[in-house]
Amino acid sequence: MGHAGDVGLIHGTWLHRHEEGGDGLVFVRSGTDLPPSRGRTVLTFRPDGALVVGAPGPDDRPSDAAGSWRLDGDVLTIEAPVLAGTYRVVAASRDRLVIHEQD
């Protein structure tokens, strides 16, 4: 597993794996086989700090919103209409990202 603060591991598109929960939000890389769902939050972290958040809308159709992100050590800050806040990166690897909301 990579170092939680390795910004290169964050870049790319991640799907929320809400079947796993507990003490954080679990994301897997786009293309990972997941069970059917009424909708999943999708985060696309771009190297320039831009963020695209896809989330189910009120009628379950996907809706995208623009935002931004930054990573300082293991602290991930998301500024977007969905999931805005400060998170601690608990785990980051090529295939899995686990974040925990900071109080």
C-alpha atoms as a PDB file:
ATOM      1  CA  MET A   1       0.000   0.000   0.000  1.00  0.00           C
ATOM      2  CA  GLY A   2       1.254   3.465  -0.831  1.00  0.00           C
ATOM      3  CA  HIS A   3       1.851   6.328   1.536  1.00  0.00           C
ATOM      4  CA  ALA A   4      -1.432   8.089   2.340  1.00  0.00           C
ATOM      5  CA  GLY A   5       0.033  11.476   1.405  1.00  0.00           C
ATOM      6  CA  ASP A   6       1.263  10.413  -2.063  1.00  0.00           C
ATOM      7  CA  VAL A   7      -0.619  12.840  -4.297  1.00  0.00           C
ATOM      8  CA  GLY A   8       0.033  10.718  -7.398  1.00  0.00           C
ATOM      9  CA  LEU A   9      -2.101   7.921  -5.961  1.00  0.00           C
ATOM     10  CA  ILE A  10      -5.099  10.260  -5.709  1.00  0.00           C
ATOM     11  CA  HIS A  11      -5.226  11.336  -9.375  1.00  0.00           C
ATOM     12  CA  GLY A  12      -7.912   9.649 -11.447  1.00  0.00           C
ATOM     13  CA  THR A  13     -11.518   8.545 -11.149  1.00  0.00           C
ATOM     14  CA  TRP A  14     -12.871   6.832  -8.040  1.00  0.00           C
ATOM     15  CA  LEU A  15     -16.259   5.195  -7.340  1.00  0.00           C
ATOM     16  CA  HIS A  16     -17.760   5.187  -3.857  1.00  0.00           C
ATOM     17  CA  ARG A  17     -18.079   1.628  -2.623  1.00  0.00           C
ATOM     18  CA  HIS A  18     -20.901   2.254  -0.157  1.00  0.00           C
ATOM     19  CA  GLU A  19     -21.204  -1.462   0.561  1.00  0.00           C
ATOM     20  CA  GLU A  20     -18.112  -0.976   2.697  1.00  0.00           C
ATOM     21  CA  GLY A  21     -18.532   1.668   5.273  1.00  0.00           C
ATOM     22  CA  GLY A  22     -17.903   1.849   8.891  1.00  0.00           C
ATOM     23  CA  ASP A  23     -15.307   4.360   9.880  1.00  0.00           C
ATOM     24  CA  GLY A  24     -14.724   6.049   6.535  1.00  0.00           C
ATOM     25  CA  LEU A  25     -15.628   6.416   2.891  1.00  0.00           C
ATOM     26  CA  VAL A  26     -14.215   3.716   0.631  1.00  0.00           C
ATOM     27  CA  PHE A  27     -13.545   4.416  -3.041  1.00  0.00           C
ATOM     28  CA  VAL A  28     -12.260   2.089  -5.769  1.00  0.00           C
ATOM     29  CA  ARG A  29     -10.852   2.910  -9.180  1.00  0.00           C
ATOM     30  CA  SER A  30     -13.212   3.357 -12.074  1.00  0.00           C
ATOM     31  CA  GLY A  31     -13.478   0.055 -13.928  1.00  0.00           C
ATOM     32  CA  THR A  32     -13.634  -2.040 -10.762  1.00  0.00           C
ATOM     33  CA  ASP A  33     -16.477  -4.561 -10.758  1.00  0.00           C
ATOM     34  CA  LEU A  34     -19.121  -3.463  -8.254  1.00  0.00           C
ATOM     35  CA  PRO A  35     -22.589  -4.769  -7.443  1.00  0.00           C
ATOM     36  CA  PRO A  36     -25.553  -2.973  -9.021  1.00  0.00           C
ATOM     37  CA  SER A  37     -26.520   0.258  -7.284  1.00  0.00           C
ATOM     38  CA  ARG A  38     -29.098   3.020  -7.680  1.00  0.00           C
ATOM     39  CA  GLY A  39     -26.203   5.412  -7.970  1.00  0.00           C
ATOM     40  CA  ARG A  40     -22.680   5.962  -6.798  1.00  0.00           C
ATOM     41  CA  THR A  41     -20.728   9.079  -6.049  1.00  0.00           C
ATOM     42  CA  VAL A  42     -17.843   9.418  -8.496  1.00  0.00           C
ATOM     43  CA  LEU A  43     -14.806  11.596  -7.812  1.00  0.00           C
ATOM     44  CA  THR A  44     -12.358  12.555 -10.557  1.00  0.00           C
ATOM     45  CA  PHE A  45      -9.221  14.157  -9.104  1.00  0.00           C
ATOM     46  CA  ARG A  46      -7.288  16.026 -11.789  1.00  0.00           C
ATOM     47  CA  PRO A  47      -3.582  16.818 -11.360  1.00  0.00           C
ATOM     48  CA  ASP A  48      -4.250  20.578 -11.641  1.00  0.00           C
ATOM     49  CA  GLY A  49      -6.467  20.547  -8.503  1.00  0.00           C
ATOM     50  CA  ALA A  50      -9.755  20.464 -10.407  1.00  0.00           C
ATOM     51  CA  LEU A  51     -12.377  18.001  -9.225  1.00  0.00           C
ATOM     52  CA  VAL A  52     -15.456  16.599 -10.927  1.00  0.00           C
ATOM     53  CA  VAL A  53     -18.033  15.076  -8.604  1.00  0.00           C
ATOM     54  CA  GLY A  54     -20.714  12.852 -10.062  1.00  0.00           C
ATOM     55  CA  ALA A  55     -23.607  12.008  -7.790  1.00  0.00           C
ATOM     56  CA  PRO A  56     -27.152  10.702  -8.149  1.00  0.00           C
ATOM     57  CA  GLY A  57     -29.617  13.542  -8.559  1.00  0.00           C
ATOM     58  CA  PRO A  58     -33.106  13.724  -7.034  1.00  0.00           C
ATOM     59  CA  ASP A  59     -34.429  11.404  -9.754  1.00  0.00           C
ATOM     60  CA  ASP A  60     -31.407   9.037  -9.499  1.00  0.00           C
ATOM     61  CA  ARG A  61     -29.935  10.276 -12.785  1.00  0.00           C
ATOM     62  CA  PRO A  62     -26.258  11.175 -12.475  1.00  0.00           C
ATOM     63  CA  SER A  63     -25.406  14.838 -12.097  1.00  0.00           C
ATOM     64  CA  ASP A  64     -21.890  16.313 -12.303  1.00  0.00           C
ATOM     65  CA  ALA A  65     -20.554  19.292 -10.389  1.00  0.00           C
ATOM     66  CA  ALA A  66     -17.197  21.040 -10.563  1.00  0.00           C
ATOM     67  CA  GLY A  67     -14.983  21.681  -7.591  1.00  0.00           C
ATOM     68  CA  SER A  68     -11.409  21.605  -6.417  1.00  0.00           C
ATOM     69  CA  TRP A  69      -9.195  19.547  -4.140  1.00  0.00           C
ATOM     70  CA  ARG A  70      -5.827  19.665  -2.443  1.00  0.00           C
ATOM     71  CA  LEU A  71      -3.756  17.219  -0.446  1.00  0.00           C
ATOM     72  CA  ASP A  72      -1.449  18.365   2.349  1.00  0.00           C
ATOM     73  CA  GLY A  73       0.270  15.322   3.844  1.00  0.00           C
ATOM     74  CA  ASP A  74      -2.651  13.025   4.648  1.00  0.00           C
ATOM     75  CA  VAL A  75      -5.246  15.836   4.808  1.00  0.00           C
ATOM     76  CA  LEU A  76      -7.544  15.986   1.768  1.00  0.00           C
ATOM     77  CA  THR A  77      -9.652  19.111   1.333  1.00  0.00           C
ATOM     78  CA  ILE A  78     -12.590  18.964  -1.067  1.00  0.00           C
ATOM     79  CA  GLU A  79     -14.414  22.088  -2.170  1.00  0.00           C
ATOM     80  CA  ALA A  80     -17.472  21.004  -4.133  1.00  0.00           C
ATOM     81  CA  PRO A  81     -21.267  20.864  -3.776  1.00  0.00           C
ATOM     82  CA  VAL A  82     -21.029  17.184  -2.771  1.00  0.00           C
ATOM     83  CA  LEU A  83     -18.626  15.855  -0.101  1.00  0.00           C
ATOM     84  CA  ALA A  84     -17.218  19.304   0.684  1.00  0.00           C
ATOM     85  CA  GLY A  85     -14.999  19.167   3.742  1.00  0.00           C
ATOM     86  CA  THR A  86     -11.710  18.073   5.187  1.00  0.00           C
ATOM     87  CA  TYR A  87     -10.790  14.397   5.280  1.00  0.00           C
ATOM     88  CA  ARG A  88      -7.885  12.329   6.529  1.00  0.00           C
ATOM     89  CA  VAL A  89      -6.582   9.848   3.971  1.00  0.00           C
ATOM     90  CA  VAL A  90      -6.557   6.563   5.863  1.00  0.00           C
ATOM     91  CA  ALA A  91      -5.330   4.436   2.946  1.00  0.00           C
ATOM     92  CA  ALA A  92      -4.341   5.084  -0.647  1.00  0.00           C
ATOM     93  CA  SER A  93      -3.197   2.575  -3.216  1.00  0.00           C
ATOM     94  CA  ARG A  94      -3.531   2.162  -6.966  1.00  0.00           C
ATOM     95  CA  ASP A  95      -6.944   0.508  -6.493  1.00  0.00           C
ATOM     96  CA  ARG A  96      -8.371   1.774  -3.201  1.00  0.00           C
ATOM     97  CA  LEU A  97      -8.844   5.099  -1.425  1.00  0.00           C
ATOM     98  CA  VAL A  98     -10.221   5.349   2.111  1.00  0.00           C
ATOM     99  CA  ILE A  99     -10.949   8.750   3.652  1.00  0.00           C
ATOM    100  CA  HIS A 100     -12.344   9.735   7.031  1.00  0.00           C
ATOM    101  CA  GLU A 101     -14.091  13.047   7.638  1.00  0.00           C
ATOM    102  CA  GLN A 102     -12.249  15.334  10.046  1.00  0.00           C
ATOM    103  CA  ASP A 103     -14.202  16.813  12.940  1.00  0.00           C
END
